[in-house]
């Protein structure tokens, strides 16, 4: 997928070109099925688990499945973002978990 990224997103984020870079990344995410990384929050944890209540067990199973799916998309999105950051921005973002493109607007 990284070769598709470099073909689709020709701009590397340097800081002052955020307004050019953002629409390219958004379009890339939409085209590759990662759009929810910038439009969806992680799933909300259900009420405390009650192993005696089948609805509670089912809710936690659904939550676990949704969280796993969300984390997979999030990880791919963050990886793709990092590939299109200039080295100086990449160093700043290294230890941050950023899933929303708008979060890079503060750098």
Protein backbone atom coordinates (compact mmCIF):
# COMPACT_ATOMS: atom_id res chain seq x y z
CA UNK A 1 0.00 0.00 0.00
CA UNK A 2 2.88 2.41 0.57
CA UNK A 3 3.55 2.63 -3.19
CA UNK A 4 -0.09 3.66 -3.68
CA UNK A 5 0.41 6.30 -0.99
CA UNK A 6 3.40 7.84 -2.75
CA UNK A 7 1.50 7.87 -6.05
CA UNK A 8 -1.71 9.33 -4.59
CA UNK A 9 -0.20 11.73 -2.05
CA UNK A 10 2.60 13.69 -3.63
CA UNK A 11 2.90 16.26 -0.85
CA UNK A 12 5.03 15.72 2.25
CA UNK A 13 3.85 17.65 5.30
CA UNK A 14 6.46 20.22 6.24
CA UNK A 15 4.27 22.35 8.52
CA UNK A 16 3.50 25.37 6.40
CA UNK A 17 1.82 23.29 3.69
CA UNK A 18 -0.83 21.67 5.90
CA UNK A 19 -3.69 23.07 3.77
CA UNK A 20 -2.28 21.35 0.65
CA UNK A 21 -1.34 18.08 2.37
CA UNK A 22 -4.61 17.50 4.27
CA UNK A 23 -7.02 17.03 1.32
CA UNK A 24 -4.58 14.63 -0.33
CA UNK A 25 -4.37 12.50 2.82
CA UNK A 26 -8.13 12.61 3.35
CA UNK A 27 -8.76 11.47 -0.23
CA UNK A 28 -6.17 8.71 0.13
CA UNK A 29 -7.82 7.44 3.34
CA UNK A 30 -11.24 7.48 1.71
CA UNK A 31 -9.97 5.65 -1.39
CA UNK A 32 -8.23 2.95 0.65
CA UNK A 33 -10.99 2.25 3.17
CA UNK A 34 -9.30 4.10 6.02
CA UNK A 35 -11.67 7.07 6.02
CA UNK A 36 -13.15 6.12 9.38
CA UNK A 37 -9.77 6.88 10.96
CA UNK A 38 -10.52 10.57 10.50
CA UNK A 39 -14.29 10.49 10.91
CA UNK A 40 -14.91 8.04 13.78
CA UNK A 41 -13.98 7.96 17.43
CA UNK A 42 -12.95 4.71 19.11
CA UNK A 43 -15.84 2.58 20.36
CA UNK A 44 -17.23 3.42 23.80
CA UNK A 45 -16.66 0.89 26.54
CA UNK A 46 -19.93 -0.69 27.72
CA UNK A 47 -21.15 -0.86 31.30
CA UNK A 48 -19.04 -3.01 33.66
CA UNK A 49 -19.02 -6.66 32.68
CA UNK A 50 -21.47 -8.89 34.47
CA UNK A 51 -20.59 -12.46 33.53
CA UNK A 52 -24.00 -13.65 34.72
CA UNK A 53 -25.84 -11.32 32.30
CA UNK A 54 -25.84 -12.56 28.68
CA UNK A 55 -26.55 -9.05 27.35
CA UNK A 56 -23.53 -7.71 29.22
CA UNK A 57 -21.31 -10.49 27.88
CA UNK A 58 -22.61 -9.86 24.35
CA UNK A 59 -22.02 -6.10 24.68
CA UNK A 60 -18.41 -6.69 25.74
CA UNK A 61 -17.82 -9.15 22.89
CA UNK A 62 -19.16 -6.60 20.39
CA UNK A 63 -17.04 -3.89 22.00
CA UNK A 64 -13.89 -6.04 21.82
CA UNK A 65 -14.54 -6.77 18.13
CA UNK A 66 -15.22 -3.11 17.35
CA UNK A 67 -12.13 -1.96 19.26
CA UNK A 68 -9.93 -4.46 17.43
CA UNK A 69 -11.25 -3.25 14.07
CA UNK A 70 -10.85 0.41 15.07
CA UNK A 71 -7.26 -0.15 16.26
CA UNK A 72 -6.36 -1.89 12.99
CA UNK A 73 -7.63 1.04 10.92
CA UNK A 74 -6.03 3.52 13.31
CA UNK A 75 -2.64 1.82 13.10
CA UNK A 76 -2.74 1.79 9.29
CA UNK A 77 -3.80 5.45 9.17
CA UNK A 78 -1.04 6.56 11.55
CA UNK A 79 1.52 4.59 9.55
CA UNK A 80 0.40 6.22 6.32
CA UNK A 81 0.47 9.66 7.91
CA UNK A 82 4.02 9.09 9.15
CA UNK A 83 5.16 8.11 5.67
CA UNK A 84 4.11 11.55 4.37
CA UNK A 85 5.72 13.67 7.11
CA UNK A 86 8.98 15.51 6.67
CA UNK A 87 11.72 14.20 8.99
CA UNK A 88 11.45 17.23 11.28
CA UNK A 89 7.68 16.74 11.72
CA UNK A 90 8.08 12.95 12.04
CA UNK A 91 10.36 13.45 15.05
CA UNK A 92 7.72 15.63 16.74
CA UNK A 93 4.96 13.12 16.04
CA UNK A 94 6.97 10.03 16.95
CA UNK A 95 5.55 9.52 20.42
CA UNK A 96 2.04 10.75 19.75
CA UNK A 97 -0.97 8.65 18.86
CA UNK A 98 -2.67 10.82 16.27
CA UNK A 99 -5.69 9.57 14.30
CA UNK A 100 -7.37 12.77 13.24
CA UNK A 101 -5.65 14.75 10.49
CA UNK A 102 -6.74 17.98 12.14
CA UNK A 103 -4.45 17.16 15.07
CA UNK A 104 -1.44 17.86 12.85
CA UNK A 105 -2.67 21.43 12.40
CA UNK A 106 -1.15 22.30 15.78
CA UNK A 107 2.41 21.36 14.79
